[in-house]
Structure formats: structure tokens, C-alpha cells
């Protein structure tokens, strides 16, 4: 007999992770000596994963990341 599989999508469906993502992004920006973003500005960077979020936030402040800074 097979057992049922239950899959949860916790990213914004059951748990609001936006505040944690915003805090993480602002921590990354501070490490690069860039200005923090607010919740309204943050939403335009979300989508396609954390790496893209950080790249977009840096690009918005006319700063690009070197490949070694991503990891």
C-alpha cells in the first residue's frame, strides 16, 4: 500500500516570508554599503529566487555584483 504525499508551499501561501526576505536583502545591501529598501520598493525585486532579488536590488542602486559575491 502506498502512502499519500502531502506537499506544502510555504512561501507566501501559508507563511508570510516577505519580512524575512526584506531583512535578509537589507543585510546584504548593508554589507555592500548600499541603502536599505523599504517594503514597497522591495516587492519589485522579488521573483526568480534570492540571487536575482539581490542582483536587482544592487542594480537599482547602479551597482553590479561580481560572481564571487553571489555565493
C-alpha atoms as a PDB file:
ATOM      1  CA  UNK A   1       0.000   0.000   0.000  1.00  0.00           C
ATOM      2  CA  UNK A   2       1.349   3.443  -0.871  1.00  0.00           C
ATOM      3  CA  UNK A   3       1.146   6.341   1.498  1.00  0.00           C
ATOM      4  CA  UNK A   4      -0.166   9.722   0.383  1.00  0.00           C
ATOM      5  CA  UNK A   5       2.315  12.522  -0.132  1.00  0.00           C
ATOM      6  CA  UNK A   6       1.482  15.951   1.197  1.00  0.00           C
ATOM      7  CA  UNK A   7       3.356  18.937  -0.212  1.00  0.00           C
ATOM      8  CA  UNK A   8       3.205  22.429   1.265  1.00  0.00           C
ATOM      9  CA  UNK A   9       4.071  25.686  -0.445  1.00  0.00           C
ATOM     10  CA  UNK A  10       5.078  27.869   2.482  1.00  0.00           C
ATOM     11  CA  UNK A  11       6.484  30.840   0.590  1.00  0.00           C
ATOM     12  CA  UNK A  12       3.669  33.325   0.907  1.00  0.00           C
ATOM     13  CA  UNK A  13       0.881  30.774   0.829  1.00  0.00           C
ATOM     14  CA  UNK A  14       0.771  29.637   4.432  1.00  0.00           C
ATOM     15  CA  UNK A  15       3.511  31.802   5.901  1.00  0.00           C
ATOM     16  CA  UNK A  16       4.300  35.413   5.029  1.00  0.00           C
ATOM     17  CA  UNK A  17       8.046  35.298   4.391  1.00  0.00           C
ATOM     18  CA  UNK A  18       8.283  38.824   2.940  1.00  0.00           C
ATOM     19  CA  UNK A  19       9.530  40.425   6.187  1.00  0.00           C
ATOM     20  CA  UNK A  20      12.312  37.839   6.469  1.00  0.00           C
ATOM     21  CA  UNK A  21      13.296  38.289   2.824  1.00  0.00           C
ATOM     22  CA  UNK A  22      13.327  42.066   3.257  1.00  0.00           C
ATOM     23  CA  UNK A  23      15.544  41.801   6.340  1.00  0.00           C
ATOM     24  CA  UNK A  24      17.923  39.468   4.508  1.00  0.00           C
ATOM     25  CA  UNK A  25      18.066  41.726   1.470  1.00  0.00           C
ATOM     26  CA  UNK A  26      18.767  44.801   3.584  1.00  0.00           C
ATOM     27  CA  UNK A  27      21.512  42.911   5.417  1.00  0.00           C
ATOM     28  CA  UNK A  28      23.096  42.100   2.053  1.00  0.00           C
ATOM     29  CA  UNK A  29      22.780  45.702   0.904  1.00  0.00           C
ATOM     30  CA  UNK A  30      24.343  46.995   4.119  1.00  0.00           C
ATOM     31  CA  UNK A  31      27.294  44.635   3.633  1.00  0.00           C
ATOM     32  CA  UNK A  32      27.796  46.267   0.231  1.00  0.00           C
ATOM     33  CA  UNK A  33      27.436  49.734   1.786  1.00  0.00           C
ATOM     34  CA  UNK A  34      24.194  50.375  -0.100  1.00  0.00           C
ATOM     35  CA  UNK A  35      20.964  51.933   1.112  1.00  0.00           C
ATOM     36  CA  UNK A  36      18.260  49.737   2.582  1.00  0.00           C
ATOM     37  CA  UNK A  37      14.970  49.330   0.750  1.00  0.00           C
ATOM     38  CA  UNK A  38      11.503  49.635   2.232  1.00  0.00           C
ATOM     39  CA  UNK A  39       8.671  47.149   1.835  1.00  0.00           C
ATOM     40  CA  UNK A  40       7.140  48.955  -1.146  1.00  0.00           C
ATOM     41  CA  UNK A  41      10.451  49.080  -3.013  1.00  0.00           C
ATOM     42  CA  UNK A  42      11.307  45.526  -2.067  1.00  0.00           C
ATOM     43  CA  UNK A  43       8.370  43.980  -3.931  1.00  0.00           C
ATOM     44  CA  UNK A  44       9.789  44.867  -7.344  1.00  0.00           C
ATOM     45  CA  UNK A  45      12.901  42.773  -6.636  1.00  0.00           C
ATOM     46  CA  UNK A  46      11.066  39.569  -5.656  1.00  0.00           C
ATOM     47  CA  UNK A  47      10.731  36.684  -8.081  1.00  0.00           C
ATOM     48  CA  UNK A  48      13.123  34.131  -9.566  1.00  0.00           C
ATOM     49  CA  UNK A  49      14.941  33.419  -6.305  1.00  0.00           C
ATOM     50  CA  UNK A  50      17.252  35.082  -3.847  1.00  0.00           C
ATOM     51  CA  UNK A  51      20.180  35.584  -6.187  1.00  0.00           C
ATOM     52  CA  UNK A  52      18.061  37.538  -8.667  1.00  0.00           C
ATOM     53  CA  UNK A  53      16.491  39.554  -5.836  1.00  0.00           C
ATOM     54  CA  UNK A  54      19.938  40.647  -4.649  1.00  0.00           C
ATOM     55  CA  UNK A  55      21.122  41.386  -8.200  1.00  0.00           C
ATOM     56  CA  UNK A  56      18.048  43.529  -8.879  1.00  0.00           C
ATOM     57  CA  UNK A  57      18.434  45.459  -5.636  1.00  0.00           C
ATOM     58  CA  UNK A  58      22.088  46.184  -6.383  1.00  0.00           C
ATOM     59  CA  UNK A  59      21.317  47.168  -9.979  1.00  0.00           C
ATOM     60  CA  UNK A  60      18.652  49.596  -8.749  1.00  0.00           C
ATOM     61  CA  UNK A  61      21.469  51.419  -6.960  1.00  0.00           C
ATOM     62  CA  UNK A  62      23.743  51.326 -10.030  1.00  0.00           C
ATOM     63  CA  UNK A  63      25.903  48.583  -8.570  1.00  0.00           C
ATOM     64  CA  UNK A  64      26.642  45.184 -10.071  1.00  0.00           C
ATOM     65  CA  UNK A  65      27.823  42.105  -8.241  1.00  0.00           C
ATOM     66  CA  UNK A  66      30.925  40.152  -9.058  1.00  0.00           C
ATOM     67  CA  UNK A  67      30.229  36.444  -9.487  1.00  0.00           C
ATOM     68  CA  UNK A  68      32.117  35.541  -6.291  1.00  0.00           C
ATOM     69  CA  UNK A  69      29.890  37.913  -4.304  1.00  0.00           C
ATOM     70  CA  UNK A  70      26.822  35.835  -5.161  1.00  0.00           C
ATOM     71  CA  UNK A  71      27.788  32.759  -3.222  1.00  0.00           C
END
